[in-house]
Amino acid sequence: MSRQPQYLWLADQLREPILNGELTPGTRLPSRTRLARAYRVSEQISRTALRLLVTEGLVEARPGSGYYVRTVPEVYRLSRTDATSGSGLGRLSRELISTEQELCSAPLSSRLRLRDGEPVYLTTSRGFSANRPVTLHRSWEPAVLTAGTLRTPFDAAETGPLDRLSAAGFPVDRVVEEVGVRALRDSEAVLLDSAPGVTVLVVERTHYSGDRPVETSDLIGSAEQCRLLYKLSLARPRTRR
């Protein structure tokens, strides 16, 4: 046995057959007592090793039943930033939920450089795979930019925000994204058919026309299932003649 802590060593012995497919999803693992006897460690060591595998997402604990090899969820890669990214949802299909007008408040007012109480358009949609919601998308834009025109989200729901804003005289020439993680909120959990409190990725994306922010959005998805794929075009250096 190596000099590493015993619980890490035991976790390694269980992790390898899970990753190589020897232990298939749904397989019940030996109890803490049986593991302790089989590997000649204490029950505290076997308990800690199993909890580590649960934290890693390889094993799930079923109260009153035991520990089972977990089914690895499908991973969705969401293309970002580059003009070739399209909707940014990859293989997911988009479902528009609603478009409404609301009054701006912090921290949204800071992101759009508006005063609290100024009207904004809020568009909410979801990304689906096999009839299951995977991502939630909320987008806000200042109503003052398109109010009184036929370029609002109400009038051109099927047109992307970049095309609408460009047609209204605000061509987008810069994108800023900030990526973080947090717990899923109750209202979001309802739309994602998930449990509040699970860890989610949040991509705050803001579009600018010159120095003016003209649209900002939150893309929310399971940190376990969603990956962000960035495709960035780089200018080639000029060669000297």
Protein backbone atom coordinates (compact mmCIF):
# COMPACT_ATOMS: atom_id res chain seq x y z
CA MET A 1 0.00 0.00 0.00
CA SER A 2 1.34 3.44 -0.91
CA ARG A 3 2.07 6.21 1.59
CA GLN A 4 -0.96 8.24 0.46
CA PRO A 5 -3.88 8.44 2.92
CA GLN A 6 -5.76 5.15 3.07
CA TYR A 7 -9.09 6.65 2.03
CA LEU A 8 -7.50 8.01 -1.18
CA TRP A 9 -5.95 4.62 -1.88
CA LEU A 10 -9.30 2.88 -1.39
CA ALA A 11 -11.06 5.45 -3.57
CA ASP A 12 -8.52 4.68 -6.31
CA GLN A 13 -9.34 0.96 -6.09
CA LEU A 14 -13.03 1.71 -6.65
CA ARG A 15 -12.63 4.54 -9.13
CA GLU A 16 -10.63 2.58 -11.71
CA PRO A 17 -13.25 -0.15 -12.39
CA ILE A 18 -15.93 2.53 -12.59
CA LEU A 19 -14.04 4.60 -15.16
CA ASN A 20 -13.03 1.60 -17.29
CA GLY A 21 -16.59 0.28 -17.40
CA GLU A 22 -16.00 -2.83 -15.32
CA LEU A 23 -18.57 -1.51 -12.85
CA THR A 24 -21.51 -0.32 -14.95
CA PRO A 25 -24.03 2.41 -13.99
CA GLY A 26 -26.53 1.12 -11.47
CA THR A 27 -24.16 -1.42 -9.94
CA ARG A 28 -24.47 -1.56 -6.18
CA LEU A 29 -21.16 -1.22 -4.36
CA PRO A 30 -20.27 -3.29 -1.29
CA SER A 31 -21.32 -1.82 2.04
CA ARG A 32 -18.90 0.18 4.15
CA THR A 33 -18.45 -2.83 6.41
CA ARG A 34 -17.72 -5.22 3.54
CA LEU A 35 -15.29 -2.78 1.95
CA ALA A 36 -13.49 -2.34 5.25
CA ARG A 37 -13.11 -6.10 5.65
CA ALA A 38 -12.13 -6.72 2.02
CA TYR A 39 -9.42 -4.05 1.97
CA ARG A 40 -8.41 -4.35 5.63
CA VAL A 41 -9.18 -0.75 6.56
CA SER A 42 -11.46 0.83 9.13
CA GLU A 43 -15.12 1.61 8.41
CA GLN A 44 -14.26 5.30 8.78
CA ILE A 45 -11.77 4.91 5.90
CA SER A 46 -14.33 3.13 3.68
CA ARG A 47 -16.99 5.74 4.52
CA THR A 48 -14.64 8.61 3.62
CA ALA A 49 -13.61 6.92 0.35
CA LEU A 50 -17.25 6.43 -0.69
CA ARG A 51 -18.10 10.04 0.17
CA LEU A 52 -15.20 11.19 -2.00
CA LEU A 53 -16.58 9.22 -4.96
CA VAL A 54 -19.99 10.76 -4.34
CA THR A 55 -18.42 14.23 -4.41
CA GLU A 56 -16.71 13.36 -7.70
CA GLY A 57 -20.05 12.40 -9.22
CA LEU A 58 -19.10 8.76 -9.82
CA VAL A 59 -21.23 7.26 -7.06
CA GLU A 60 -24.62 8.12 -5.61
CA ALA A 61 -25.82 7.38 -2.08
CA ARG A 62 -29.38 6.05 -1.80
CA PRO A 63 -30.67 6.38 1.76
CA GLY A 64 -31.52 3.01 3.25
CA SER A 65 -30.18 1.17 0.21
CA GLY A 66 -26.47 1.83 -0.18
CA TYR A 67 -24.03 3.21 -2.72
CA TYR A 68 -24.44 2.78 -6.49
CA VAL A 69 -22.38 3.56 -9.56
CA ARG A 70 -23.90 6.70 -11.00
CA THR A 71 -25.03 7.15 -14.58
CA VAL A 72 -22.77 9.78 -16.13
CA PRO A 73 -24.98 12.55 -17.56
CA GLU A 74 -24.58 13.66 -21.15
CA VAL A 75 -22.32 16.68 -21.62
CA TYR A 76 -23.45 19.58 -23.80
CA ARG A 77 -20.89 21.91 -25.34
CA LEU A 78 -22.16 25.44 -25.81
CA SER A 79 -20.31 27.51 -28.41
CA ARG A 80 -19.55 31.05 -27.35
CA THR A 81 -18.38 34.45 -28.60
CA ASP A 82 -17.25 33.85 -32.17
CA ALA A 83 -19.55 34.91 -35.02
CA THR A 84 -19.82 31.25 -36.07
CA SER A 85 -21.37 30.33 -32.71
CA GLY A 86 -24.91 31.07 -33.88
CA SER A 87 -27.39 30.76 -31.01
CA GLY A 88 -24.67 29.43 -28.71
CA LEU A 89 -26.83 26.44 -27.77
CA GLY A 90 -24.99 23.84 -29.82
CA ARG A 91 -27.23 20.79 -30.32
CA LEU A 92 -29.94 22.13 -28.04
CA SER A 93 -33.23 23.38 -29.45
CA ARG A 94 -34.53 26.76 -28.26
CA GLU A 95 -37.96 27.30 -26.70
CA LEU A 96 -39.13 30.88 -26.22
CA ILE A 97 -40.98 31.17 -22.90
CA SER A 98 -41.92 34.84 -22.67
CA THR A 99 -41.10 38.44 -23.51
CA GLU A 100 -42.15 41.17 -21.12
CA GLN A 101 -41.32 44.69 -20.05
CA GLU A 102 -40.09 45.35 -16.53
CA LEU A 103 -38.34 48.08 -14.56
CA CYS A 104 -34.59 47.90 -14.19
CA SER A 105 -32.97 47.47 -10.78
CA ALA A 106 -29.52 46.63 -9.42
CA PRO A 107 -27.38 44.77 -10.37
CA LEU A 108 -28.94 44.82 -13.86
CA SER A 109 -28.91 48.62 -13.94
CA SER A 110 -25.14 48.55 -13.47
CA ARG A 111 -24.64 46.05 -16.29
CA LEU A 112 -26.71 48.16 -18.71
CA ARG A 113 -25.63 51.52 -17.26
CA LEU A 114 -29.22 52.52 -16.59
CA ARG A 115 -30.92 54.23 -13.67
CA ASP A 116 -33.08 52.10 -11.41
CA GLY A 117 -36.66 52.19 -12.66
CA GLU A 118 -35.88 52.57 -16.36
CA PRO A 119 -37.81 50.11 -18.54
CA VAL A 120 -36.12 47.08 -20.09
CA TYR A 121 -37.34 44.22 -22.25
CA LEU A 122 -36.83 40.78 -20.70
CA THR A 123 -36.84 37.70 -22.94
CA THR A 124 -36.74 34.24 -21.33
CA SER A 125 -36.04 31.02 -23.19
CA ARG A 126 -34.77 27.50 -22.59
CA GLY A 127 -32.46 25.07 -24.37
CA PHE A 128 -33.91 21.57 -24.75
CA SER A 129 -32.54 18.11 -25.47
CA ALA A 130 -34.91 15.14 -25.87
CA ASN A 131 -37.76 17.12 -24.29
CA ARG A 132 -35.65 17.93 -21.23
CA PRO A 133 -34.63 21.51 -20.32
CA VAL A 134 -30.85 21.84 -20.09
CA THR A 135 -30.22 25.60 -20.09
CA LEU A 136 -32.12 28.73 -19.10
CA HIS A 137 -31.47 32.02 -20.91
CA ARG A 138 -32.60 35.48 -19.79
CA SER A 139 -31.85 38.52 -21.90
CA TRP A 140 -32.43 42.21 -21.09
CA GLU A 141 -32.15 45.24 -23.33
CA PRO A 142 -32.98 48.91 -22.68
CA ALA A 143 -36.47 49.69 -23.98
CA VAL A 144 -35.34 53.16 -25.00
CA LEU A 145 -33.28 51.70 -27.87
CA THR A 146 -36.22 50.31 -29.85
CA ALA A 147 -39.41 51.60 -28.20
CA GLY A 148 -41.82 53.01 -30.81
CA THR A 149 -40.22 51.02 -33.62
CA LEU A 150 -40.90 47.61 -35.11
CA ARG A 151 -37.57 46.37 -33.74
CA THR A 152 -38.62 45.48 -30.19
CA PRO A 153 -38.57 41.86 -28.98
CA PHE A 154 -42.38 41.93 -29.11
CA ASP A 155 -42.44 42.95 -32.78
CA ALA A 156 -39.59 40.78 -34.04
CA ALA A 157 -39.58 37.79 -31.68
CA GLU A 158 -38.04 35.47 -34.28
CA THR A 159 -35.21 37.87 -35.11
CA GLY A 160 -32.00 37.68 -33.13
CA PRO A 161 -31.14 40.63 -30.88
CA LEU A 162 -27.99 41.50 -32.84
CA ASP A 163 -29.91 41.86 -36.12
CA ARG A 164 -32.70 43.85 -34.46
CA LEU A 165 -30.35 46.22 -32.69
CA SER A 166 -28.26 46.74 -35.80
CA ALA A 167 -31.39 47.57 -37.81
CA ALA A 168 -32.35 50.07 -35.06
CA GLY A 169 -29.00 51.84 -35.43
CA PHE A 170 -27.03 50.09 -32.71
CA PRO A 171 -24.65 47.63 -34.41
CA VAL A 172 -22.94 45.35 -31.91
CA ASP A 173 -19.15 45.46 -32.21
CA ARG A 174 -17.99 44.06 -28.87
CA VAL A 175 -18.91 41.19 -26.55
CA VAL A 176 -17.88 40.75 -22.92
CA GLU A 177 -18.49 37.52 -21.01
CA GLU A 178 -17.99 36.71 -17.35
CA VAL A 179 -18.33 33.09 -16.22
CA GLY A 180 -19.05 31.97 -12.67
CA VAL A 181 -20.81 29.31 -10.61
CA ARG A 182 -23.53 29.60 -8.00
CA ALA A 183 -26.49 27.73 -6.55
CA LEU A 184 -29.65 27.37 -8.64
CA ARG A 185 -32.47 29.61 -7.37
CA ASP A 186 -36.02 28.45 -6.72
CA SER A 187 -37.61 30.25 -9.69
CA GLU A 188 -34.89 28.93 -12.02
CA ALA A 189 -35.22 25.38 -10.70
CA VAL A 190 -38.89 25.33 -11.73
CA LEU A 191 -38.01 26.24 -15.33
CA LEU A 192 -35.12 23.76 -15.48
CA ASP A 193 -37.07 20.93 -13.82
CA SER A 194 -34.26 20.66 -11.30
CA ALA A 195 -33.66 21.01 -7.57
CA PRO A 196 -32.87 24.38 -5.98
CA GLY A 197 -29.34 24.64 -4.71
CA VAL A 198 -27.55 22.51 -7.31
CA THR A 199 -24.41 24.07 -8.74
CA VAL A 200 -24.89 25.84 -12.07
CA LEU A 201 -22.68 27.67 -14.53
CA VAL A 202 -23.71 31.26 -15.16
CA VAL A 203 -22.44 33.13 -18.22
CA GLU A 204 -23.08 36.87 -18.02
CA ARG A 205 -22.80 38.15 -21.58
CA THR A 206 -23.06 41.82 -22.53
CA HIS A 207 -23.19 43.23 -26.06
CA TYR A 208 -21.88 46.72 -26.77
CA SER A 209 -22.38 49.19 -29.57
CA GLY A 210 -19.32 51.36 -29.23
CA ASP A 211 -19.06 52.03 -25.50
CA ARG A 212 -22.77 51.58 -24.87
CA PRO A 213 -24.14 48.30 -23.47
CA VAL A 214 -27.20 47.47 -25.58
CA GLU A 215 -28.08 43.98 -24.32
CA THR A 216 -27.06 41.72 -21.46
CA SER A 217 -27.99 38.14 -20.66
CA ASP A 218 -27.56 35.24 -18.28
CA LEU A 219 -27.06 31.73 -19.62
CA ILE A 220 -27.64 29.20 -16.83
CA GLY A 221 -26.91 25.49 -17.05
CA SER A 222 -25.89 22.57 -14.90
CA ALA A 223 -22.19 22.74 -14.05
CA GLU A 224 -22.11 18.97 -14.41
CA GLN A 225 -23.62 18.85 -17.89
CA CYS A 226 -22.62 22.09 -19.60
CA ARG A 227 -19.25 22.98 -21.06
CA LEU A 228 -18.39 26.30 -22.68
CA LEU A 229 -16.62 26.02 -26.01
CA TYR A 230 -14.87 29.21 -27.07
CA LYS A 231 -14.01 29.75 -30.72
CA LEU A 232 -11.88 32.85 -31.01
CA SER A 233 -10.66 34.30 -34.31
CA LEU A 234 -7.13 35.62 -34.09
CA ALA A 235 -5.67 38.14 -36.50
CA ARG A 236 -2.60 36.82 -38.28
CA PRO A 237 0.55 38.88 -37.73
CA ARG A 238 1.70 40.80 -40.75
CA THR A 239 4.74 39.37 -42.42
CA ARG A 240 7.60 41.67 -43.28
CA ARG A 241 8.62 41.89 -46.86
